[in-house]
């Protein structure tokens, strides 16, 4: 297993017009799922603050390695991928902030 829960990675996201564009994403699924099924769930990260009620803003102190741009976890945009779809690892979210993102995802979706 190359990537773990809380890692921020770059993956290609498919858009409504069928095009793909690389975006950072936070791995939210637990490591056991990836080991057992070879599948990971990710939440897209964007520099755009559209729909702020669904965003979780990231700051440098929350991350092991700061992001290049101001970034927002888009808690309403979850996708499933497999490890080979990951382009590269960018950073890692520290545990207390990850817990807050998971809570925001639950509030947003459920």
N, C-alpha and C. Protein backbone atom coordinates (compact mmCIF):
# COMPACT_ATOMS: atom_id res chain seq x y z
N UNK A 1 0.86 -1.18 0.00
CA UNK A 1 0.00 0.00 0.00
C UNK A 1 0.89 1.23 0.00
N UNK A 2 0.78 2.01 -1.06
CA UNK A 2 1.64 3.18 -1.22
C UNK A 2 1.05 4.44 -0.59
N UNK A 3 -0.27 4.53 -0.56
CA UNK A 3 -0.95 5.72 -0.06
C UNK A 3 -1.84 5.33 1.12
N UNK A 4 -2.04 6.28 2.04
CA UNK A 4 -2.80 6.01 3.25
C UNK A 4 -3.86 7.08 3.49
N UNK A 5 -4.78 6.73 4.39
CA UNK A 5 -5.78 7.70 4.84
C UNK A 5 -5.04 8.95 5.32
N UNK A 6 -5.58 10.11 5.00
CA UNK A 6 -5.06 11.45 5.34
C UNK A 6 -4.04 11.96 4.33
N UNK A 7 -3.59 11.11 3.39
CA UNK A 7 -2.68 11.59 2.35
C UNK A 7 -3.43 12.50 1.39
N UNK A 8 -2.76 13.52 0.92
CA UNK A 8 -3.29 14.36 -0.14
C UNK A 8 -2.51 13.98 -1.39
N UNK A 9 -3.25 13.53 -2.39
CA UNK A 9 -2.65 13.03 -3.62
C UNK A 9 -3.23 13.77 -4.82
N UNK A 10 -2.61 13.60 -5.96
CA UNK A 10 -3.14 14.17 -7.20
C UNK A 10 -3.75 13.04 -8.03
N UNK A 11 -4.98 13.25 -8.48
CA UNK A 11 -5.68 12.28 -9.33
C UNK A 11 -6.43 13.03 -10.42
N UNK A 12 -6.75 12.34 -11.49
CA UNK A 12 -7.56 12.93 -12.56
C UNK A 12 -9.03 12.82 -12.20
N UNK A 13 -9.72 13.96 -12.19
CA UNK A 13 -11.15 13.99 -11.93
C UNK A 13 -11.89 14.15 -13.24
N UNK A 14 -12.98 13.39 -13.41
CA UNK A 14 -13.81 13.55 -14.59
C UNK A 14 -14.86 14.63 -14.33
N UNK A 15 -15.02 15.52 -15.29
CA UNK A 15 -15.98 16.61 -15.18
C UNK A 15 -17.23 16.28 -15.99
N UNK A 16 -18.33 17.02 -15.76
CA UNK A 16 -19.60 16.71 -16.43
C UNK A 16 -19.51 16.63 -17.95
N UNK A 17 -18.58 17.37 -18.55
CA UNK A 17 -18.45 17.33 -20.01
C UNK A 17 -17.63 16.13 -20.50
N UNK A 18 -17.20 15.27 -19.57
CA UNK A 18 -16.43 14.08 -19.93
C UNK A 18 -14.93 14.29 -19.95
N UNK A 19 -14.48 15.51 -19.73
CA UNK A 19 -13.05 15.78 -19.71
C UNK A 19 -12.46 15.42 -18.35
N UNK A 20 -11.15 15.26 -18.33
CA UNK A 20 -10.43 14.95 -17.10
C UNK A 20 -9.45 16.06 -16.80
N UNK A 21 -9.27 16.34 -15.51
CA UNK A 21 -8.30 17.35 -15.10
C UNK A 21 -7.69 16.91 -13.77
N UNK A 22 -6.36 16.98 -13.65
CA UNK A 22 -5.75 16.60 -12.37
C UNK A 22 -6.10 17.59 -11.26
N UNK A 23 -6.42 17.04 -10.12
CA UNK A 23 -6.72 17.84 -8.92
C UNK A 23 -6.15 17.14 -7.70
N UNK A 24 -5.80 17.91 -6.68
CA UNK A 24 -5.46 17.25 -5.42
C UNK A 24 -6.73 16.66 -4.80
N UNK A 25 -6.53 15.65 -3.98
CA UNK A 25 -7.65 15.00 -3.30
C UNK A 25 -7.15 14.41 -1.99
N UNK A 26 -8.03 14.39 -1.01
CA UNK A 26 -7.73 13.83 0.30
C UNK A 26 -8.26 12.41 0.36
N UNK A 27 -7.40 11.46 0.72
CA UNK A 27 -7.85 10.08 0.91
C UNK A 27 -8.60 10.01 2.24
N UNK A 28 -9.90 9.66 2.16
CA UNK A 28 -10.73 9.62 3.36
C UNK A 28 -11.03 8.19 3.81
N UNK A 29 -10.91 7.22 2.92
CA UNK A 29 -11.20 5.84 3.31
C UNK A 29 -10.09 5.30 4.19
N UNK A 30 -10.45 4.30 5.00
CA UNK A 30 -9.45 3.74 5.91
C UNK A 30 -8.51 2.80 5.16
N UNK A 31 -7.37 2.55 5.75
CA UNK A 31 -6.33 1.75 5.11
C UNK A 31 -6.76 0.31 4.89
N UNK A 32 -7.59 -0.24 5.77
CA UNK A 32 -8.04 -1.62 5.62
C UNK A 32 -8.81 -1.81 4.32
N UNK A 33 -9.64 -0.85 3.95
CA UNK A 33 -10.40 -0.95 2.70
C UNK A 33 -9.45 -1.03 1.51
N UNK A 34 -8.44 -0.21 1.52
CA UNK A 34 -7.47 -0.21 0.43
C UNK A 34 -6.73 -1.55 0.36
N UNK A 35 -6.35 -2.08 1.51
CA UNK A 35 -5.65 -3.37 1.55
C UNK A 35 -6.58 -4.50 1.08
N UNK A 36 -7.80 -4.53 1.61
CA UNK A 36 -8.72 -5.63 1.31
C UNK A 36 -9.33 -5.56 -0.09
N UNK A 37 -9.67 -4.36 -0.54
CA UNK A 37 -10.39 -4.21 -1.80
C UNK A 37 -9.57 -3.54 -2.91
N UNK A 38 -8.45 -2.92 -2.56
CA UNK A 38 -7.68 -2.20 -3.56
C UNK A 38 -8.37 -0.93 -4.03
N UNK A 39 -9.21 -0.38 -3.18
CA UNK A 39 -10.07 0.75 -3.53
C UNK A 39 -9.89 1.86 -2.51
N UNK A 40 -9.86 3.12 -2.96
CA UNK A 40 -9.76 4.26 -2.05
C UNK A 40 -10.86 5.28 -2.38
N UNK A 41 -11.38 5.93 -1.34
CA UNK A 41 -12.31 7.03 -1.52
C UNK A 41 -11.56 8.33 -1.26
N UNK A 42 -11.80 9.29 -2.13
CA UNK A 42 -11.11 10.58 -2.06
C UNK A 42 -12.12 11.71 -2.12
N UNK A 43 -11.74 12.82 -1.52
CA UNK A 43 -12.53 14.05 -1.55
C UNK A 43 -11.70 15.08 -2.31
N UNK A 44 -12.29 15.66 -3.35
CA UNK A 44 -11.56 16.61 -4.17
C UNK A 44 -11.15 17.85 -3.38
N UNK A 45 -10.00 18.40 -3.74
CA UNK A 45 -9.50 19.65 -3.18
C UNK A 45 -9.37 20.64 -4.33
N UNK A 46 -9.79 21.88 -4.11
CA UNK A 46 -9.75 22.91 -5.14
C UNK A 46 -9.27 24.22 -4.55
N UNK A 47 -8.74 25.06 -5.41
CA UNK A 47 -8.38 26.42 -4.98
C UNK A 47 -9.58 27.36 -5.07
N UNK A 48 -10.67 26.88 -5.64
CA UNK A 48 -11.89 27.68 -5.79
C UNK A 48 -12.77 27.49 -4.55
N UNK A 49 -13.32 28.59 -4.06
CA UNK A 49 -14.15 28.55 -2.85
C UNK A 49 -15.64 28.51 -3.16
N UNK A 50 -16.02 28.01 -4.34
CA UNK A 50 -17.43 27.90 -4.69
C UNK A 50 -18.17 27.04 -3.67
N UNK A 51 -19.42 27.35 -3.43
CA UNK A 51 -20.27 26.63 -2.47
C UNK A 51 -19.58 26.52 -1.11
N UNK A 52 -19.31 27.65 -0.48
CA UNK A 52 -18.55 27.64 0.77
C UNK A 52 -19.18 26.82 1.89
N UNK A 53 -20.48 26.60 1.83
CA UNK A 53 -21.14 25.81 2.87
C UNK A 53 -20.68 24.35 2.86
N UNK A 54 -20.05 23.91 1.76
CA UNK A 54 -19.58 22.53 1.65
C UNK A 54 -18.05 22.42 1.71
N UNK A 55 -17.37 23.53 1.89
CA UNK A 55 -15.91 23.55 1.89
C UNK A 55 -15.33 23.40 3.29
N UNK A 56 -14.12 22.86 3.32
CA UNK A 56 -13.30 22.89 4.53
C UNK A 56 -11.98 23.51 4.11
N UNK A 57 -11.70 24.70 4.59
CA UNK A 57 -10.50 25.42 4.20
C UNK A 57 -9.26 24.80 4.85
N UNK A 58 -8.23 24.61 4.03
CA UNK A 58 -6.97 24.09 4.53
C UNK A 58 -5.97 25.22 4.72
N UNK A 59 -5.22 25.17 5.81
CA UNK A 59 -4.15 26.14 6.05
C UNK A 59 -2.84 25.38 6.22
N UNK A 60 -1.74 26.09 6.08
CA UNK A 60 -0.42 25.45 6.12
C UNK A 60 -0.17 24.66 7.40
N UNK A 61 -0.64 25.16 8.55
CA UNK A 61 -0.37 24.46 9.81
C UNK A 61 -1.13 23.13 9.93
N UNK A 62 -2.12 22.91 9.08
CA UNK A 62 -2.87 21.66 9.09
C UNK A 62 -2.17 20.54 8.33
N UNK A 63 -1.17 20.92 7.54
CA UNK A 63 -0.56 20.00 6.59
C UNK A 63 0.89 19.70 6.94
N UNK A 64 1.35 18.53 6.57
CA UNK A 64 2.75 18.17 6.75
C UNK A 64 3.61 18.99 5.78
N UNK A 65 3.14 19.13 4.55
CA UNK A 65 3.79 19.96 3.53
C UNK A 65 2.76 20.95 3.01
N UNK A 66 3.03 22.26 3.06
CA UNK A 66 2.03 23.24 2.60
C UNK A 66 1.67 23.05 1.12
N UNK A 67 0.45 23.40 0.78
CA UNK A 67 -0.02 23.35 -0.60
C UNK A 67 0.50 24.58 -1.34
N UNK A 68 0.59 24.49 -2.65
CA UNK A 68 1.09 25.60 -3.47
C UNK A 68 0.10 26.77 -3.51
N UNK A 69 -1.19 26.48 -3.41
CA UNK A 69 -2.25 27.50 -3.45
C UNK A 69 -3.15 27.36 -2.24
N UNK A 70 -3.91 28.41 -1.95
CA UNK A 70 -4.97 28.30 -0.95
C UNK A 70 -5.91 27.20 -1.41
N UNK A 71 -6.28 26.30 -0.51
CA UNK A 71 -7.04 25.12 -0.92
C UNK A 71 -8.24 24.85 -0.02
N UNK A 72 -9.24 24.21 -0.61
CA UNK A 72 -10.47 23.87 0.08
C UNK A 72 -10.84 22.43 -0.22
N UNK A 73 -11.11 21.64 0.81
CA UNK A 73 -11.64 20.30 0.61
C UNK A 73 -13.10 20.48 0.22
N UNK A 74 -13.50 19.88 -0.89
CA UNK A 74 -14.87 19.95 -1.38
C UNK A 74 -15.62 18.74 -0.82
N UNK A 75 -16.23 18.93 0.33
CA UNK A 75 -16.80 17.82 1.10
C UNK A 75 -17.97 17.14 0.42
N UNK A 76 -18.51 17.73 -0.63
CA UNK A 76 -19.61 17.13 -1.38
C UNK A 76 -19.12 16.34 -2.60
N UNK A 77 -17.81 16.39 -2.88
CA UNK A 77 -17.28 15.75 -4.08
C UNK A 77 -16.39 14.56 -3.72
N UNK A 78 -17.01 13.42 -3.52
CA UNK A 78 -16.31 12.18 -3.19
C UNK A 78 -16.27 11.29 -4.43
N UNK A 79 -15.13 10.63 -4.62
CA UNK A 79 -14.99 9.69 -5.72
C UNK A 79 -14.27 8.45 -5.22
N UNK A 80 -14.43 7.37 -5.95
CA UNK A 80 -13.69 6.15 -5.68
C UNK A 80 -12.67 5.92 -6.78
N UNK A 81 -11.49 5.54 -6.40
CA UNK A 81 -10.41 5.26 -7.35
C UNK A 81 -9.63 4.05 -6.86
N UNK A 82 -8.70 3.65 -7.69
CA UNK A 82 -7.75 2.63 -7.27
C UNK A 82 -6.37 3.26 -7.25
N UNK A 83 -5.45 2.63 -6.56
CA UNK A 83 -4.12 3.22 -6.34
C UNK A 83 -3.42 3.60 -7.63
N UNK A 84 -3.59 2.83 -8.69
CA UNK A 84 -2.87 3.16 -9.93
C UNK A 84 -3.37 4.46 -10.57
N UNK A 85 -4.56 4.95 -10.15
CA UNK A 85 -5.08 6.22 -10.66
C UNK A 85 -4.42 7.43 -10.01
N UNK A 86 -3.69 7.20 -8.93
CA UNK A 86 -3.02 8.30 -8.23
C UNK A 86 -1.76 8.69 -9.00
N UNK A 87 -1.62 9.98 -9.26
CA UNK A 87 -0.47 10.48 -10.00
C UNK A 87 0.73 10.65 -9.08
N UNK A 88 0.49 11.28 -7.91
CA UNK A 88 1.59 11.50 -6.97
C UNK A 88 1.02 11.93 -5.63
N UNK A 89 1.82 11.80 -4.59
CA UNK A 89 1.47 12.29 -3.26
C UNK A 89 1.94 13.73 -3.15
N UNK A 90 1.08 14.59 -2.57
CA UNK A 90 1.39 16.01 -2.43
C UNK A 90 1.71 16.37 -0.98
N UNK A 91 0.90 15.87 -0.05
CA UNK A 91 1.06 16.23 1.36
C UNK A 91 0.31 15.22 2.21
N UNK A 92 0.10 15.59 3.45
CA UNK A 92 -0.66 14.76 4.40
C UNK A 92 -1.34 15.70 5.39
N UNK A 93 -2.60 15.41 5.71
CA UNK A 93 -3.37 16.21 6.65
C UNK A 93 -3.17 15.66 8.05
N UNK A 94 -2.92 16.55 9.00
CA UNK A 94 -2.72 16.12 10.39
C UNK A 94 -4.04 15.62 10.98
N UNK A 95 -3.94 14.68 11.92
CA UNK A 95 -5.10 13.94 12.43
C UNK A 95 -6.26 14.81 12.95
N UNK A 96 -6.02 15.80 13.82
CA UNK A 96 -7.19 16.54 14.33
C UNK A 96 -7.97 17.25 13.22
N UNK A 97 -7.27 17.70 12.19
CA UNK A 97 -7.93 18.38 11.08
C UNK A 97 -8.65 17.37 10.18
N UNK A 98 -8.06 16.19 10.04
CA UNK A 98 -8.73 15.14 9.29
C UNK A 98 -10.06 14.79 9.95
N UNK A 99 -10.07 14.66 11.26
CA UNK A 99 -11.30 14.35 11.99
C UNK A 99 -12.37 15.42 11.73
N UNK A 100 -11.95 16.68 11.67
CA UNK A 100 -12.88 17.78 11.39
C UNK A 100 -13.41 17.71 9.95
N UNK A 101 -12.57 17.32 9.01
CA UNK A 101 -13.01 17.16 7.62
C UNK A 101 -14.04 16.05 7.53
N UNK A 102 -13.80 14.93 8.19
CA UNK A 102 -14.75 13.81 8.17
C UNK A 102 -16.10 14.27 8.75
N UNK A 103 -16.07 15.03 9.82
CA UNK A 103 -17.32 15.56 10.39
C UNK A 103 -18.04 16.46 9.39
N UNK A 104 -17.29 17.29 8.68
CA UNK A 104 -17.88 18.18 7.67
C UNK A 104 -18.48 17.37 6.52
N UNK A 105 -17.81 16.30 6.12
CA UNK A 105 -18.35 15.43 5.06
C UNK A 105 -19.67 14.82 5.53
N UNK A 106 -19.70 14.33 6.75
CA UNK A 106 -20.94 13.74 7.30
C UNK A 106 -22.05 14.78 7.32
N UNK A 107 -21.77 16.00 7.78
CA UNK A 107 -22.78 17.06 7.82
C UNK A 107 -23.26 17.41 6.40
N UNK A 108 -22.34 17.41 5.46
CA UNK A 108 -22.66 17.81 4.09
C UNK A 108 -23.50 16.76 3.37
N UNK A 109 -23.14 15.51 3.51
CA UNK A 109 -23.80 14.46 2.73
C UNK A 109 -24.99 13.84 3.44
N UNK A 110 -24.91 13.72 4.76
CA UNK A 110 -25.97 13.04 5.49
C UNK A 110 -26.80 14.02 6.29
